[in-house]
Amino acid sequence: MNLARQMILVLVLLSMPAWADIDYDGSYWQGLEREQISLQLPLLIIKGSRGYLACAYIDVDTCNKTGEACAIVSGVSSHNDMLRAKIKYASDAARELGIEEGMSGAKAIELLR
């Protein structure tokens, strides 16, 4: 790769939002409930007043049957990971709130707050 392409790549990467650099401690969590159940892999949920963000242990079809707004992420091992992850599935009620597959967990939880 030539130097010009490398420089362009660096500039693009620097202009992208760095979710990993955001401090999700302290006041960020106000108004949200966090649950973790220790299993082979942790079962993780972040609950807001309008619905919840969960790991892939939770089934969207069940959420659709109960009318709950839920967004699902996978491959996560902490609540902070959930905010950085992309939404894999969203219930019908979550879609009505504007949540879509591919958006960040952080963006989804703001809609679920």
Protein backbone atom coordinates (compact mmCIF):
# COMPACT_ATOMS: atom_id res chain seq x y z
CA MET A 1 0.00 0.00 0.00
CA ASN A 2 1.45 3.34 -0.97
CA LEU A 3 1.91 6.22 1.47
CA ALA A 4 -1.05 8.24 0.13
CA ARG A 5 -3.46 5.34 0.67
CA GLN A 6 -2.07 4.75 4.14
CA MET A 7 -2.61 8.41 5.04
CA ILE A 8 -6.19 8.32 3.72
CA LEU A 9 -6.88 5.18 5.74
CA VAL A 10 -5.51 6.80 8.90
CA LEU A 11 -7.64 9.91 8.35
CA VAL A 12 -10.77 7.82 7.81
CA LEU A 13 -10.12 5.79 10.94
CA LEU A 14 -9.48 8.91 13.01
CA SER A 15 -12.77 10.46 11.87
CA MET A 16 -14.85 7.44 12.90
CA PRO A 17 -16.60 7.48 16.29
CA ALA A 18 -14.50 5.63 18.83
CA TRP A 19 -17.09 3.86 20.99
CA ALA A 20 -14.28 2.10 22.81
CA ASP A 21 -13.05 5.46 24.12
CA ILE A 22 -16.38 6.48 25.65
CA ASP A 23 -16.58 6.14 29.43
CA TYR A 24 -19.84 4.33 30.14
CA ASP A 25 -19.42 4.59 33.90
CA GLY A 26 -21.08 6.99 36.29
CA SER A 27 -23.96 9.10 35.09
CA TYR A 28 -24.39 7.24 31.79
CA TRP A 29 -26.15 4.39 33.60
CA GLN A 30 -28.67 6.58 35.47
CA GLY A 31 -32.22 5.49 34.70
CA LEU A 32 -31.06 2.08 33.43
CA GLU A 33 -31.09 -1.28 35.19
CA ARG A 34 -28.24 -3.71 34.47
CA GLU A 35 -28.59 -7.42 35.08
CA GLN A 36 -26.01 -10.16 34.69
CA ILE A 37 -26.61 -13.86 35.30
CA SER A 38 -23.49 -16.01 35.36
CA LEU A 39 -23.89 -18.97 33.01
CA GLN A 40 -21.41 -20.62 30.63
CA LEU A 41 -21.47 -17.19 28.96
CA PRO A 42 -23.06 -14.29 30.86
CA LEU A 43 -26.73 -13.51 30.29
CA LEU A 44 -26.76 -9.71 30.05
CA ILE A 45 -29.65 -7.23 30.04
CA ILE A 46 -29.78 -3.44 30.14
CA LYS A 47 -33.34 -2.29 30.88
CA GLY A 48 -34.75 1.14 30.19
CA SER A 49 -38.27 2.45 30.77
CA ARG A 50 -39.37 1.59 27.20
CA GLY A 51 -37.68 -1.79 26.74
CA TYR A 52 -34.36 -3.54 26.97
CA LEU A 53 -31.11 -4.41 25.25
CA ALA A 54 -30.14 -8.05 25.74
CA CYS A 55 -27.61 -10.64 24.69
CA ALA A 56 -28.56 -13.44 22.31
CA TYR A 57 -29.85 -15.69 25.12
CA ILE A 58 -33.12 -13.73 24.72
CA ASP A 59 -35.43 -14.72 21.85
CA VAL A 60 -36.98 -11.97 19.72
CA ASP A 61 -39.96 -14.18 18.81
CA THR A 62 -40.88 -14.40 22.50
CA CYS A 63 -40.57 -10.61 22.80
CA ASN A 64 -42.89 -10.24 19.82
CA LYS A 65 -45.44 -12.52 21.50
CA THR A 66 -45.31 -10.47 24.71
CA GLY A 67 -45.20 -7.11 22.91
CA GLU A 68 -41.92 -6.09 24.54
CA ALA A 69 -39.41 -3.77 22.91
CA CYS A 70 -36.08 -5.56 22.87
CA ALA A 71 -32.91 -5.29 20.85
CA ILE A 72 -30.44 -8.16 20.71
CA VAL A 73 -26.65 -8.11 20.45
CA SER A 74 -24.28 -11.08 20.40
CA GLY A 75 -20.65 -11.82 21.12
CA VAL A 76 -20.59 -9.66 24.25
CA SER A 77 -19.28 -10.36 27.73
CA SER A 78 -20.06 -7.10 29.56
CA HIS A 79 -22.61 -4.30 29.61
CA ASN A 80 -20.07 -1.94 28.04
CA ASP A 81 -19.55 -4.48 25.22
CA MET A 82 -23.31 -4.40 24.61
CA LEU A 83 -23.22 -0.67 23.94
CA ARG A 84 -20.38 -1.04 21.43
CA ALA A 85 -21.98 -4.03 19.64
CA LYS A 86 -24.28 -3.81 16.63
CA ILE A 87 -27.93 -4.80 16.94
CA LYS A 88 -28.51 -8.25 15.40
CA TYR A 89 -32.28 -8.48 15.93
CA ALA A 90 -35.05 -6.14 17.06
CA SER A 91 -38.58 -6.94 18.15
CA ASP A 92 -41.54 -5.33 16.40
CA ALA A 93 -42.07 -2.98 19.36
CA ALA A 94 -38.38 -1.98 19.24
CA ARG A 95 -38.67 -1.24 15.52
CA GLU A 96 -41.60 1.07 16.28
CA LEU A 97 -39.21 3.03 18.53
CA GLY A 98 -36.76 3.39 15.62
CA ILE A 99 -34.34 0.58 16.46
CA GLU A 100 -32.85 -1.20 13.47
CA GLU A 101 -30.39 -4.03 12.88
CA GLY A 102 -26.87 -2.68 12.48
CA MET A 103 -27.23 0.33 14.79
CA SER A 104 -25.05 0.45 17.88
CA GLY A 105 -26.27 -0.83 21.21
CA ALA A 106 -25.62 2.67 22.63
CA LYS A 107 -27.96 4.24 20.08
CA ALA A 108 -30.60 1.56 20.74
CA ILE A 109 -30.48 2.00 24.52
CA GLU A 110 -31.02 5.74 24.11
CA LEU A 111 -34.26 4.91 22.29
CA LEU A 112 -35.19 2.44 25.05
CA ARG A 113 -34.40 4.76 27.98
